[in-house]
């Protein structure tokens, strides 16, 4: 059994965190990931209706399932109640990324909840450790969803471990989709892995059948890093943060000219109409470059169990224990 500082702190058997993907990682996926021995996380949308979110968590709380929750830092200025909700939810881990996170650290500590944030450069990792962040998530540019596109996972992980690895557990994110990826980052010194894309086609993910079919059909060249979706919707993401998603008609039309999308433009009207119609040729399907390894729909427990057992075998082989 693979054991790191992450296992002990979060009470898990497998040092893997399911990414809190808004629109994909709900209570059902979190339950499946956690039941497999890792920690499932739930993404709380900036527009979340808290009564509905509370209802969705009820069965996890009643059954004593361990889970984490993720928030967007930029959403807390206008909706501070989101942090209150998460800290009262029973989550054992809270992630606050992409915006101001420092005020939430002390509150999480008082509540006994582990605190993580995603970073995309070594400088950000040092700042996070200096601020009291308990778990640093080093997310490389090949990762799906939002984040920086400055550094790939392996060079980022090595730099972060050299600078703060002796102070805080470092979790690797981006491009990790199976036993080889998990074994590689653990061998490098990471305390665990943060995985999202490989869970998108799982039976328990909340995406539609069409979403899951597109994930399975994609290969490693099918993604693009873009700000087009956020600009069209007028979302207040930090200026240097975009998202990696599957290419579609919308990203192709706005390629290399995303900055020309103005607030209140026709692109926003198109995006909102597409959301209502479920048109994936316009709306985002966030996924990372590891999407090419997702070959079929599977239960999340199978993905996590295979990742852990395969990584353990590889680490033993590399260590000479055959």
C-alpha atoms as a PDB file:
ATOM      1  CA  UNK A   1       0.000   0.000   0.000  1.00  0.00           C
ATOM      2  CA  UNK A   2       1.316   3.433  -0.951  1.00  0.00           C
ATOM      3  CA  UNK A   3       1.418   5.742   2.049  1.00  0.00           C
ATOM      4  CA  UNK A   4       2.479   9.396   2.183  1.00  0.00           C
ATOM      5  CA  UNK A   5       1.870  12.416   4.388  1.00  0.00           C
ATOM      6  CA  UNK A   6      -1.364  12.926   2.461  1.00  0.00           C
ATOM      7  CA  UNK A   7      -2.800   9.612   3.641  1.00  0.00           C
ATOM      8  CA  UNK A   8      -2.319  10.416   7.299  1.00  0.00           C
ATOM      9  CA  UNK A   9      -3.558  14.008   7.106  1.00  0.00           C
ATOM     10  CA  UNK A  10      -6.726  13.202   5.160  1.00  0.00           C
ATOM     11  CA  UNK A  11      -7.474   9.719   6.471  1.00  0.00           C
ATOM     12  CA  UNK A  12      -7.233   8.035   3.076  1.00  0.00           C
ATOM     13  CA  UNK A  13      -5.610   4.826   1.825  1.00  0.00           C
ATOM     14  CA  UNK A  14      -4.599   6.019  -1.648  1.00  0.00           C
ATOM     15  CA  UNK A  15      -2.772   9.364  -2.087  1.00  0.00           C
ATOM     16  CA  UNK A  16      -5.033  10.579  -4.876  1.00  0.00           C
ATOM     17  CA  UNK A  17      -7.448  13.513  -4.848  1.00  0.00           C
ATOM     18  CA  UNK A  18     -10.311  13.729  -7.322  1.00  0.00           C
ATOM     19  CA  UNK A  19     -10.291  17.260  -8.706  1.00  0.00           C
ATOM     20  CA  UNK A  20     -13.279  19.437  -7.706  1.00  0.00           C
ATOM     21  CA  UNK A  21     -14.534  19.911 -11.270  1.00  0.00           C
ATOM     22  CA  UNK A  22     -17.616  22.121 -11.356  1.00  0.00           C
ATOM     23  CA  UNK A  23     -20.209  20.459 -13.555  1.00  0.00           C
ATOM     24  CA  UNK A  24     -18.609  17.019 -13.363  1.00  0.00           C
ATOM     25  CA  UNK A  25     -17.540  16.299  -9.775  1.00  0.00           C
ATOM     26  CA  UNK A  26     -20.667  16.062  -7.686  1.00  0.00           C
ATOM     27  CA  UNK A  27     -21.565  14.002  -4.652  1.00  0.00           C
ATOM     28  CA  UNK A  28     -21.915  10.743  -6.590  1.00  0.00           C
ATOM     29  CA  UNK A  29     -18.406  10.946  -8.051  1.00  0.00           C
ATOM     30  CA  UNK A  30     -16.964  12.036  -4.712  1.00  0.00           C
ATOM     31  CA  UNK A  31     -18.554   9.018  -3.031  1.00  0.00           C
ATOM     32  CA  UNK A  32     -17.154   6.639  -5.637  1.00  0.00           C
ATOM     33  CA  UNK A  33     -13.624   8.045  -5.456  1.00  0.00           C
ATOM     34  CA  UNK A  34     -13.588   8.089  -1.664  1.00  0.00           C
ATOM     35  CA  UNK A  35     -15.094   4.618  -1.400  1.00  0.00           C
ATOM     36  CA  UNK A  36     -12.184   3.361  -3.525  1.00  0.00           C
ATOM     37  CA  UNK A  37      -9.751   4.657  -0.900  1.00  0.00           C
ATOM     38  CA  UNK A  38      -8.815   8.062  -2.343  1.00  0.00           C
ATOM     39  CA  UNK A  39     -10.501  11.402  -1.588  1.00  0.00           C
ATOM     40  CA  UNK A  40     -13.327  12.590  -3.781  1.00  0.00           C
ATOM     41  CA  UNK A  41     -13.827  16.330  -4.087  1.00  0.00           C
ATOM     42  CA  UNK A  42     -16.830  18.394  -5.121  1.00  0.00           C
ATOM     43  CA  UNK A  43     -16.623  21.641  -7.052  1.00  0.00           C
ATOM     44  CA  UNK A  44     -18.899  24.393  -5.756  1.00  0.00           C
ATOM     45  CA  UNK A  45     -19.929  26.780  -8.506  1.00  0.00           C
ATOM     46  CA  UNK A  46     -19.819  30.546  -7.852  1.00  0.00           C
ATOM     47  CA  UNK A  47     -23.518  30.493  -8.765  1.00  0.00           C
ATOM     48  CA  UNK A  48     -24.361  27.515  -6.550  1.00  0.00           C
ATOM     49  CA  UNK A  49     -27.761  27.400  -4.877  1.00  0.00           C
ATOM     50  CA  UNK A  50     -26.802  26.425  -1.366  1.00  0.00           C
ATOM     51  CA  UNK A  51     -30.066  24.693  -0.488  1.00  0.00           C
ATOM     52  CA  UNK A  52     -29.556  22.348  -3.432  1.00  0.00           C
ATOM     53  CA  UNK A  53     -25.886  21.874  -2.578  1.00  0.00           C
ATOM     54  CA  UNK A  54     -26.819  21.044   1.020  1.00  0.00           C
ATOM     55  CA  UNK A  55     -29.297  18.409  -0.150  1.00  0.00           C
ATOM     56  CA  UNK A  56     -26.709  16.827  -2.440  1.00  0.00           C
ATOM     57  CA  UNK A  57     -24.296  16.392   0.476  1.00  0.00           C
ATOM     58  CA  UNK A  58     -26.827  14.881   2.861  1.00  0.00           C
ATOM     59  CA  UNK A  59     -26.208  11.257   1.928  1.00  0.00           C
ATOM     60  CA  UNK A  60     -22.416  11.650   2.133  1.00  0.00           C
ATOM     61  CA  UNK A  61     -22.711  13.193   5.572  1.00  0.00           C
ATOM     62  CA  UNK A  62     -25.176  10.565   6.773  1.00  0.00           C
ATOM     63  CA  UNK A  63     -22.929   7.726   5.611  1.00  0.00           C
ATOM     64  CA  UNK A  64     -19.738   9.230   6.988  1.00  0.00           C
ATOM     65  CA  UNK A  65     -18.078   9.470   3.575  1.00  0.00           C
ATOM     66  CA  UNK A  66     -14.923  11.591   3.621  1.00  0.00           C
ATOM     67  CA  UNK A  67     -14.852  14.250   0.926  1.00  0.00           C
ATOM     68  CA  UNK A  68     -13.305  17.571   0.006  1.00  0.00           C
ATOM     69  CA  UNK A  69     -14.681  20.689  -1.652  1.00  0.00           C
ATOM     70  CA  UNK A  70     -13.212  23.243  -4.016  1.00  0.00           C
ATOM     71  CA  UNK A  71     -13.925  26.976  -4.297  1.00  0.00           C
ATOM     72  CA  UNK A  72     -12.807  29.679  -6.701  1.00  0.00           C
ATOM     73  CA  UNK A  73     -11.029  32.445  -4.836  1.00  0.00           C
ATOM     74  CA  UNK A  74     -12.441  35.192  -7.051  1.00  0.00           C
ATOM     75  CA  UNK A  75     -16.001  34.203  -6.133  1.00  0.00           C
ATOM     76  CA  UNK A  76     -15.617  34.764  -2.388  1.00  0.00           C
ATOM     77  CA  UNK A  77     -15.567  38.558  -2.533  1.00  0.00           C
ATOM     78  CA  UNK A  78     -19.155  38.622  -3.794  1.00  0.00           C
ATOM     79  CA  UNK A  79     -20.330  35.410  -2.105  1.00  0.00           C
ATOM     80  CA  UNK A  80     -18.551  34.943   1.240  1.00  0.00           C
ATOM     81  CA  UNK A  81     -21.307  32.560   2.283  1.00  0.00           C
ATOM     82  CA  UNK A  82     -19.764  29.936   0.006  1.00  0.00           C
ATOM     83  CA  UNK A  83     -16.816  29.609   2.378  1.00  0.00           C
ATOM     84  CA  UNK A  84     -19.163  29.402   5.366  1.00  0.00           C
ATOM     85  CA  UNK A  85     -21.054  26.613   3.635  1.00  0.00           C
ATOM     86  CA  UNK A  86     -17.955  24.568   2.829  1.00  0.00           C
ATOM     87  CA  UNK A  87     -16.470  24.908   6.306  1.00  0.00           C
ATOM     88  CA  UNK A  88     -19.757  23.714   7.800  1.00  0.00           C
ATOM     89  CA  UNK A  89     -20.219  20.880   5.302  1.00  0.00           C
ATOM     90  CA  UNK A  90     -18.072  18.249   6.984  1.00  0.00           C
ATOM     91  CA  UNK A  91     -15.434  18.362   4.252  1.00  0.00           C
ATOM     92  CA  UNK A  92     -11.996  17.214   5.407  1.00  0.00           C
ATOM     93  CA  UNK A  93     -10.222  19.272   2.736  1.00  0.00           C
ATOM     94  CA  UNK A  94     -10.991  22.651   1.225  1.00  0.00           C
ATOM     95  CA  UNK A  95      -9.278  23.984  -1.871  1.00  0.00           C
ATOM     96  CA  UNK A  96      -9.406  27.706  -2.665  1.00  0.00           C
ATOM     97  CA  UNK A  97      -7.643  28.681  -5.877  1.00  0.00           C
ATOM     98  CA  UNK A  98      -7.497  31.433  -8.500  1.00  0.00           C
ATOM     99  CA  UNK A  99      -7.955  34.502  -6.410  1.00  0.00           C
ATOM    100  CA  UNK A 100      -7.497  35.583  -2.817  1.00  0.00           C
ATOM    101  CA  UNK A 101      -7.186  32.603  -0.503  1.00  0.00           C
ATOM    102  CA  UNK A 102      -5.234  33.891   2.509  1.00  0.00           C
ATOM    103  CA  UNK A 103      -8.275  34.960   4.610  1.00  0.00           C
ATOM    104  CA  UNK A 104      -9.690  31.433   4.377  1.00  0.00           C
ATOM    105  CA  UNK A 105      -6.584  29.698   5.731  1.00  0.00           C
ATOM    106  CA  UNK A 106      -7.028  30.661   9.382  1.00  0.00           C
ATOM    107  CA  UNK A 107     -10.731  29.837   9.318  1.00  0.00           C
ATOM    108  CA  UNK A 108     -10.016  26.404   7.864  1.00  0.00           C
ATOM    109  CA  UNK A 109      -7.346  25.804  10.509  1.00  0.00           C
ATOM    110  CA  UNK A 110      -9.736  26.722  13.318  1.00  0.00           C
ATOM    111  CA  UNK A 111     -12.299  24.323  11.880  1.00  0.00           C
ATOM    112  CA  UNK A 112      -9.741  21.512  11.632  1.00  0.00           C
ATOM    113  CA  UNK A 113     -10.102  21.355   7.846  1.00  0.00           C
ATOM    114  CA  UNK A 114      -7.014  20.816   5.679  1.00  0.00           C
ATOM    115  CA  UNK A 115      -6.391  23.667   3.241  1.00  0.00           C
ATOM    116  CA  UNK A 116      -4.995  23.464  -0.289  1.00  0.00           C
ATOM    117  CA  UNK A 117      -4.468  25.806  -3.192  1.00  0.00           C
ATOM    118  CA  UNK A 118      -3.421  25.249  -6.791  1.00  0.00           C
ATOM    119  CA  UNK A 119      -0.306  26.992  -8.060  1.00  0.00           C
ATOM    120  CA  UNK A 120       1.271  27.242 -11.500  1.00  0.00           C
ATOM    121  CA  UNK A 121       4.767  28.607 -10.791  1.00  0.00           C
ATOM    122  CA  UNK A 122       7.454  28.075  -8.183  1.00  0.00           C
ATOM    123  CA  UNK A 123       6.990  31.651  -6.972  1.00  0.00           C
ATOM    124  CA  UNK A 124       3.316  30.974  -6.332  1.00  0.00           C
ATOM    125  CA  UNK A 125       4.218  27.830  -4.403  1.00  0.00           C
ATOM    126  CA  UNK A 126       6.619  29.736  -2.160  1.00  0.00           C
ATOM    127  CA  UNK A 127       3.982  32.406  -1.536  1.00  0.00           C
ATOM    128  CA  UNK A 128       1.422  29.742  -0.669  1.00  0.00           C
ATOM    129  CA  UNK A 129       3.731  27.986   1.798  1.00  0.00           C
ATOM    130  CA  UNK A 130       4.663  31.326   3.360  1.00  0.00           C
ATOM    131  CA  UNK A 131       0.948  32.131   3.770  1.00  0.00           C
ATOM    132  CA  UNK A 132       0.285  28.955   5.743  1.00  0.00           C
ATOM    133  CA  UNK A 133      -1.273  26.822   2.998  1.00  0.00           C
ATOM    134  CA  UNK A 134      -1.150  23.247   4.238  1.00  0.00           C
ATOM    135  CA  UNK A 135      -1.119  21.379   0.906  1.00  0.00           C
ATOM    136  CA  UNK A 136       0.307  22.862  -2.296  1.00  0.00           C
ATOM    137  CA  UNK A 137      -1.121  21.536  -5.554  1.00  0.00           C
ATOM    138  CA  UNK A 138       1.417  21.985  -8.353  1.00  0.00           C
ATOM    139  CA  UNK A 139      -0.701  22.124 -11.493  1.00  0.00           C
ATOM    140  CA  UNK A 140       1.082  22.018 -14.825  1.00  0.00           C
ATOM    141  CA  UNK A 141      -0.147  23.645 -18.001  1.00  0.00           C
ATOM    142  CA  UNK A 142      -1.228  20.347 -19.551  1.00  0.00           C
ATOM    143  CA  UNK A 143      -3.913  19.967 -16.893  1.00  0.00           C
ATOM    144  CA  UNK A 144      -7.585  20.300 -17.743  1.00  0.00           C
ATOM    145  CA  UNK A 145      -9.777  23.146 -16.589  1.00  0.00           C
ATOM    146  CA  UNK A 146      -8.515  26.454 -15.270  1.00  0.00           C
ATOM    147  CA  UNK A 147      -4.980  27.329 -14.267  1.00  0.00           C
ATOM    148  CA  UNK A 148      -1.802  28.862 -15.572  1.00  0.00           C
ATOM    149  CA  UNK A 149      -0.241  27.685 -18.821  1.00  0.00           C
ATOM    150  CA  UNK A 150       3.256  28.759 -17.808  1.00  0.00           C
ATOM    151  CA  UNK A 151       5.033  25.516 -16.888  1.00  0.00           C
ATOM    152  CA  UNK A 152       4.422  21.810 -17.546  1.00  0.00           C
ATOM    153  CA  UNK A 153       3.824  19.469 -14.622  1.00  0.00           C
ATOM    154  CA  UNK A 154       7.220  17.748 -14.333  1.00  0.00           C
ATOM    155  CA  UNK A 155       9.440  20.862 -14.382  1.00  0.00           C
ATOM    156  CA  UNK A 156       6.977  22.623 -12.104  1.00  0.00           C
ATOM    157  CA  UNK A 157       6.832  19.724  -9.654  1.00  0.00           C
ATOM    158  CA  UNK A 158      10.613  19.466  -9.448  1.00  0.00           C
ATOM    159  CA  UNK A 159      11.036  23.179  -8.833  1.00  0.00           C
ATOM    160  CA  UNK A 160       8.278  23.267  -6.223  1.00  0.00           C
ATOM    161  CA  UNK A 161       9.628  20.228  -4.374  1.00  0.00           C
ATOM    162  CA  UNK A 162      13.090  21.776  -4.283  1.00  0.00           C
ATOM    163  CA  UNK A 163      11.738  25.001  -2.784  1.00  0.00           C
ATOM    164  CA  UNK A 164       8.896  23.982  -0.454  1.00  0.00           C
ATOM    165  CA  UNK A 165       8.819  20.177  -0.413  1.00  0.00           C
ATOM    166  CA  UNK A 166      10.485  20.077   2.993  1.00  0.00           C
ATOM    167  CA  UNK A 167       7.826  22.390   4.433  1.00  0.00           C
ATOM    168  CA  UNK A 168       4.488  21.216   3.028  1.00  0.00           C
ATOM    169  CA  UNK A 169       3.093  18.194   1.178  1.00  0.00           C
ATOM    170  CA  UNK A 170       3.124  18.838  -2.576  1.00  0.00           C
ATOM    171  CA  UNK A 171       0.470  17.224  -4.760  1.00  0.00           C
ATOM    172  CA  UNK A 172       1.051  16.972  -8.504  1.00  0.00           C
ATOM    173  CA  UNK A 173      -1.702  17.873 -10.975  1.00  0.00           C
ATOM    174  CA  UNK A 174      -1.839  17.823 -14.747  1.00  0.00           C
ATOM    175  CA  UNK A 175      -1.229  14.923 -17.104  1.00  0.00           C
ATOM    176  CA  UNK A 176      -1.725  12.149 -14.541  1.00  0.00           C
ATOM    177  CA  UNK A 177      -4.116   9.512 -15.777  1.00  0.00           C
ATOM    178  CA  UNK A 178      -2.978   6.082 -14.677  1.00  0.00           C
ATOM    179  CA  UNK A 179      -0.408   4.002 -12.829  1.00  0.00           C
ATOM    180  CA  UNK A 180       2.600   5.391 -14.690  1.00  0.00           C
ATOM    181  CA  UNK A 181       1.683   8.995 -13.975  1.00  0.00           C
ATOM    182  CA  UNK A 182       0.992   8.357 -10.296  1.00  0.00           C
ATOM    183  CA  UNK A 183       4.183   6.327  -9.881  1.00  0.00           C
ATOM    184  CA  UNK A 184       6.234   9.016 -11.633  1.00  0.00           C
ATOM    185  CA  UNK A 185       5.136  11.885  -9.402  1.00  0.00           C
ATOM    186  CA  UNK A 186       5.424   9.801  -6.229  1.00  0.00           C
ATOM    187  CA  UNK A 187       8.925   8.721  -7.236  1.00  0.00           C
ATOM    188  CA  UNK A 188       9.813  12.390  -7.747  1.00  0.00           C
ATOM    189  CA  UNK A 189       8.739  13.167  -4.187  1.00  0.00           C
ATOM    190  CA  UNK A 190       5.122  14.314  -4.498  1.00  0.00           C
ATOM    191  CA  UNK A 191       2.784  13.404  -1.651  1.00  0.00           C
ATOM    192  CA  UNK A 192       0.072  12.433  -4.103  1.00  0.00           C
ATOM    193  CA  UNK A 193      -1.775  13.222  -7.316  1.00  0.00           C
ATOM    194  CA  UNK A 194      -4.741  15.425  -8.187  1.00  0.00           C
ATOM    195  CA  UNK A 195      -6.701  13.873 -11.064  1.00  0.00           C
ATOM    196  CA  UNK A 196      -9.695  15.132 -12.997  1.00  0.00           C
ATOM    197  CA  UNK A 197      -9.733  14.424 -16.716  1.00  0.00           C
ATOM    198  CA  UNK A 198      -9.553  10.640 -16.268  1.00  0.00           C
ATOM    199  CA  UNK A 199     -12.734  10.800 -14.177  1.00  0.00           C
ATOM    200  CA  UNK A 200     -14.813  12.732 -16.730  1.00  0.00           C
ATOM    201  CA  UNK A 201     -16.085   9.616 -18.496  1.00  0.00           C
ATOM    202  CA  UNK A 202     -16.768   7.689 -15.306  1.00  0.00           C
ATOM    203  CA  UNK A 203     -20.288   6.460 -14.740  1.00  0.00           C
ATOM    204  CA  UNK A 204     -20.610   8.616 -11.615  1.00  0.00           C
ATOM    205  CA  UNK A 205     -19.528  11.909 -13.199  1.00  0.00           C
ATOM    206  CA  UNK A 206     -22.408  14.307 -13.758  1.00  0.00           C
ATOM    207  CA  UNK A 207     -21.689  15.006 -17.440  1.00  0.00           C
ATOM    208  CA  UNK A 208     -24.139  13.913 -20.118  1.00  0.00           C
ATOM    209  CA  UNK A 209     -23.707  10.886 -22.345  1.00  0.00           C
ATOM    210  CA  UNK A 210     -22.544  13.234 -25.116  1.00  0.00           C
ATOM    211  CA  UNK A 211     -19.916  14.757 -22.825  1.00  0.00           C
ATOM    212  CA  UNK A 212     -18.577  11.323 -21.939  1.00  0.00           C
ATOM    213  CA  UNK A 213     -18.594  10.217 -25.570  1.00  0.00           C
ATOM    214  CA  UNK A 214     -16.550  13.266 -26.588  1.00  0.00           C
ATOM    215  CA  UNK A 215     -14.040  12.609 -23.827  1.00  0.00           C
ATOM    216  CA  UNK A 216     -13.610   8.999 -24.938  1.00  0.00           C
ATOM    217  CA  UNK A 217     -13.263  10.052 -28.602  1.00  0.00           C
ATOM    218  CA  UNK A 218     -10.598  12.703 -27.912  1.00  0.00           C
ATOM    219  CA  UNK A 219      -6.854  12.183 -28.197  1.00  0.00           C
ATOM    220  CA  UNK A 220      -3.889  13.958 -26.622  1.00  0.00           C
ATOM    221  CA  UNK A 221      -3.929  16.648 -29.319  1.00  0.00           C
ATOM    222  CA  UNK A 222      -7.617  17.512 -28.931  1.00  0.00           C
ATOM    223  CA  UNK A 223      -7.299  20.243 -26.285  1.00  0.00           C
ATOM    224  CA  UNK A 224      -6.643  23.955 -26.421  1.00  0.00           C
ATOM    225  CA  UNK A 225      -5.747  26.504 -23.754  1.00  0.00           C
ATOM    226  CA  UNK A 226      -8.072  29.483 -24.090  1.00  0.00           C
ATOM    227  CA  UNK A 227      -9.786  32.410 -22.388  1.00  0.00           C
ATOM    228  CA  UNK A 228     -12.540  32.597 -25.024  1.00  0.00           C
ATOM    229  CA  UNK A 229     -15.250  30.936 -22.945  1.00  0.00           C
ATOM    230  CA  UNK A 230     -14.639  33.092 -19.874  1.00  0.00           C
ATOM    231  CA  UNK A 231     -14.462  36.303 -21.894  1.00  0.00           C
ATOM    232  CA  UNK A 232     -17.715  35.497 -23.665  1.00  0.00           C
ATOM    233  CA  UNK A 233     -19.476  34.906 -20.348  1.00  0.00           C
ATOM    234  CA  UNK A 234     -17.845  37.905 -18.670  1.00  0.00           C
ATOM    235  CA  UNK A 235     -16.511  35.812 -15.782  1.00  0.00           C
ATOM    236  CA  UNK A 236     -14.007  37.611 -13.520  1.00  0.00           C
ATOM    237  CA  UNK A 237     -11.161  35.109 -13.642  1.00  0.00           C
ATOM    238  CA  UNK A 238      -7.722  36.506 -12.765  1.00  0.00           C
ATOM    239  CA  UNK A 239      -6.119  38.092 -15.815  1.00  0.00           C
ATOM    240  CA  UNK A 240      -3.452  35.424 -16.320  1.00  0.00           C
ATOM    241  CA  UNK A 241      -5.757  32.409 -15.887  1.00  0.00           C
ATOM    242  CA  UNK A 242      -7.348  30.567 -18.790  1.00  0.00           C
ATOM    243  CA  UNK A 243      -8.621  27.043 -19.191  1.00  0.00           C
ATOM    244  CA  UNK A 244      -7.711  23.899 -21.114  1.00  0.00           C
ATOM    245  CA  UNK A 245     -10.669  22.342 -22.889  1.00  0.00           C
ATOM    246  CA  UNK A 246     -11.531  20.174 -25.860  1.00  0.00           C
ATOM    247  CA  UNK A 247     -11.376  22.204 -29.052  1.00  0.00           C
ATOM    248  CA  UNK A 248     -14.747  22.965 -30.625  1.00  0.00           C
ATOM    249  CA  UNK A 249     -16.242  25.317 -33.192  1.00  0.00           C
ATOM    250  CA  UNK A 250     -16.183  28.243 -30.770  1.00  0.00           C
ATOM    251  CA  UNK A 251     -12.505  27.927 -29.878  1.00  0.00           C
ATOM    252  CA  UNK A 252     -11.585  27.452 -33.526  1.00  0.00           C
ATOM    253  CA  UNK A 253     -13.356  30.675 -34.493  1.00  0.00           C
ATOM    254  CA  UNK A 254     -11.728  32.688 -31.710  1.00  0.00           C
ATOM    255  CA  UNK A 255      -8.271  31.104 -31.851  1.00  0.00           C
ATOM    256  CA  UNK A 256      -5.482  33.659 -31.333  1.00  0.00           C
ATOM    257  CA  UNK A 257      -7.967  36.497 -30.957  1.00  0.00           C
ATOM    258  CA  UNK A 258      -9.719  35.783 -27.654  1.00  0.00           C
ATOM    259  CA  UNK A 259      -8.815  39.231 -26.343  1.00  0.00           C
ATOM    260  CA  UNK A 260     -11.099  40.807 -28.916  1.00  0.00           C
ATOM    261  CA  UNK A 261     -14.175  39.326 -27.217  1.00  0.00           C
ATOM    262  CA  UNK A 262     -15.835  42.243 -25.468  1.00  0.00           C
ATOM    263  CA  UNK A 263     -18.200  42.071 -22.475  1.00  0.00           C
ATOM    264  CA  UNK A 264     -21.797  42.082 -23.632  1.00  0.00           C
ATOM    265  CA  UNK A 265     -20.842  41.045 -27.157  1.00  0.00           C
ATOM    266  CA  UNK A 266     -22.665  38.672 -29.483  1.00  0.00           C
ATOM    267  CA  UNK A 267     -20.251  35.943 -28.387  1.00  0.00           C
ATOM    268  CA  UNK A 268     -21.784  36.076 -24.924  1.00  0.00           C
ATOM    269  CA  UNK A 269     -25.293  35.789 -26.306  1.00  0.00           C
ATOM    270  CA  UNK A 270     -24.175  32.816 -28.388  1.00  0.00           C
ATOM    271  CA  UNK A 271     -22.606  31.155 -25.365  1.00  0.00           C
ATOM    272  CA  UNK A 272     -25.650  31.595 -23.133  1.00  0.00           C
ATOM    273  CA  UNK A 273     -27.974  30.253 -25.833  1.00  0.00           C
ATOM    274  CA  UNK A 274     -25.679  27.279 -26.316  1.00  0.00           C
ATOM    275  CA  UNK A 275     -25.708  26.529 -22.571  1.00  0.00           C
ATOM    276  CA  UNK A 276     -29.495  26.454 -22.642  1.00  0.00           C
ATOM    277  CA  UNK A 277     -29.473  24.136 -25.650  1.00  0.00           C
ATOM    278  CA  UNK A 278     -26.632  21.903 -24.445  1.00  0.00           C
ATOM    279  CA  UNK A 279     -24.613  22.668 -27.569  1.00  0.00           C
ATOM    280  CA  UNK A 280     -21.093  21.329 -27.000  1.00  0.00           C
ATOM    281  CA  UNK A 281     -19.883  22.816 -30.270  1.00  0.00           C
ATOM    282  CA  UNK A 282     -20.005  26.172 -28.458  1.00  0.00           C
ATOM    283  CA  UNK A 283     -19.884  25.524 -24.716  1.00  0.00           C
ATOM    284  CA  UNK A 284     -16.699  24.389 -22.911  1.00  0.00           C
ATOM    285  CA  UNK A 285     -15.783  20.830 -22.067  1.00  0.00           C
ATOM    286  CA  UNK A 286     -12.731  21.265 -19.888  1.00  0.00           C
ATOM    287  CA  UNK A 287     -10.178  18.446 -20.146  1.00  0.00           C
ATOM    288  CA  UNK A 288      -6.411  18.021 -20.062  1.00  0.00           C
ATOM    289  CA  UNK A 289      -3.946  16.472 -22.486  1.00  0.00           C
ATOM    290  CA  UNK A 290      -4.165  13.127 -20.689  1.00  0.00           C
ATOM    291  CA  UNK A 291      -7.665  12.785 -22.192  1.00  0.00           C
ATOM    292  CA  UNK A 292      -6.188  10.593 -24.923  1.00  0.00           C
ATOM    293  CA  UNK A 293      -5.749   7.764 -22.402  1.00  0.00           C
ATOM    294  CA  UNK A 294      -9.476   7.681 -21.575  1.00  0.00           C
ATOM    295  CA  UNK A 295     -10.629   4.823 -23.793  1.00  0.00           C
ATOM    296  CA  UNK A 296     -14.030   3.936 -22.371  1.00  0.00           C
ATOM    297  CA  UNK A 297     -16.614   4.683 -19.721  1.00  0.00           C
ATOM    298  CA  UNK A 298     -15.770   3.014 -16.431  1.00  0.00           C
ATOM    299  CA  UNK A 299     -16.731   3.102 -12.757  1.00  0.00           C
ATOM    300  CA  UNK A 300     -14.548   5.562 -10.858  1.00  0.00           C
ATOM    301  CA  UNK A 301     -13.537   2.854  -8.378  1.00  0.00           C
ATOM    302  CA  UNK A 302     -11.936   0.896 -11.212  1.00  0.00           C
ATOM    303  CA  UNK A 303      -9.940   3.921 -12.350  1.00  0.00           C
ATOM    304  CA  UNK A 304      -8.659   4.668  -8.849  1.00  0.00           C
ATOM    305  CA  UNK A 305      -7.926   1.059  -7.905  1.00  0.00           C
ATOM    306  CA  UNK A 306      -6.029   0.365 -11.132  1.00  0.00           C
ATOM    307  CA  UNK A 307      -4.053   3.582 -10.746  1.00  0.00           C
ATOM    308  CA  UNK A 308      -3.016   2.744  -7.194  1.00  0.00           C
ATOM    309  CA  UNK A 309      -2.220  -0.948  -7.640  1.00  0.00           C
ATOM    310  CA  UNK A 310      -0.345  -0.354 -10.873  1.00  0.00           C
ATOM    311  CA  UNK A 311       1.682   2.491  -9.382  1.00  0.00           C
ATOM    312  CA  UNK A 312       2.610   0.370  -6.384  1.00  0.00           C
ATOM    313  CA  UNK A 313       3.835  -2.410  -8.667  1.00  0.00           C
ATOM    314  CA  UNK A 314       5.909   0.011 -10.759  1.00  0.00           C
ATOM    315  CA  UNK A 315       7.485   1.594  -7.696  1.00  0.00           C
ATOM    316  CA  UNK A 316       8.472  -1.836  -6.381  1.00  0.00           C
ATOM    317  CA  UNK A 317      10.019  -2.769  -9.719  1.00  0.00           C
ATOM    318  CA  UNK A 318      11.932   0.489  -9.966  1.00  0.00           C
ATOM    319  CA  UNK A 319      13.136  -0.042  -6.424  1.00  0.00           C
ATOM    320  CA  UNK A 320      14.448  -3.495  -7.305  1.00  0.00           C
ATOM    321  CA  UNK A 321      11.737  -5.446  -5.461  1.00  0.00           C
ATOM    322  CA  UNK A 322      10.541  -7.779  -8.190  1.00  0.00           C
END
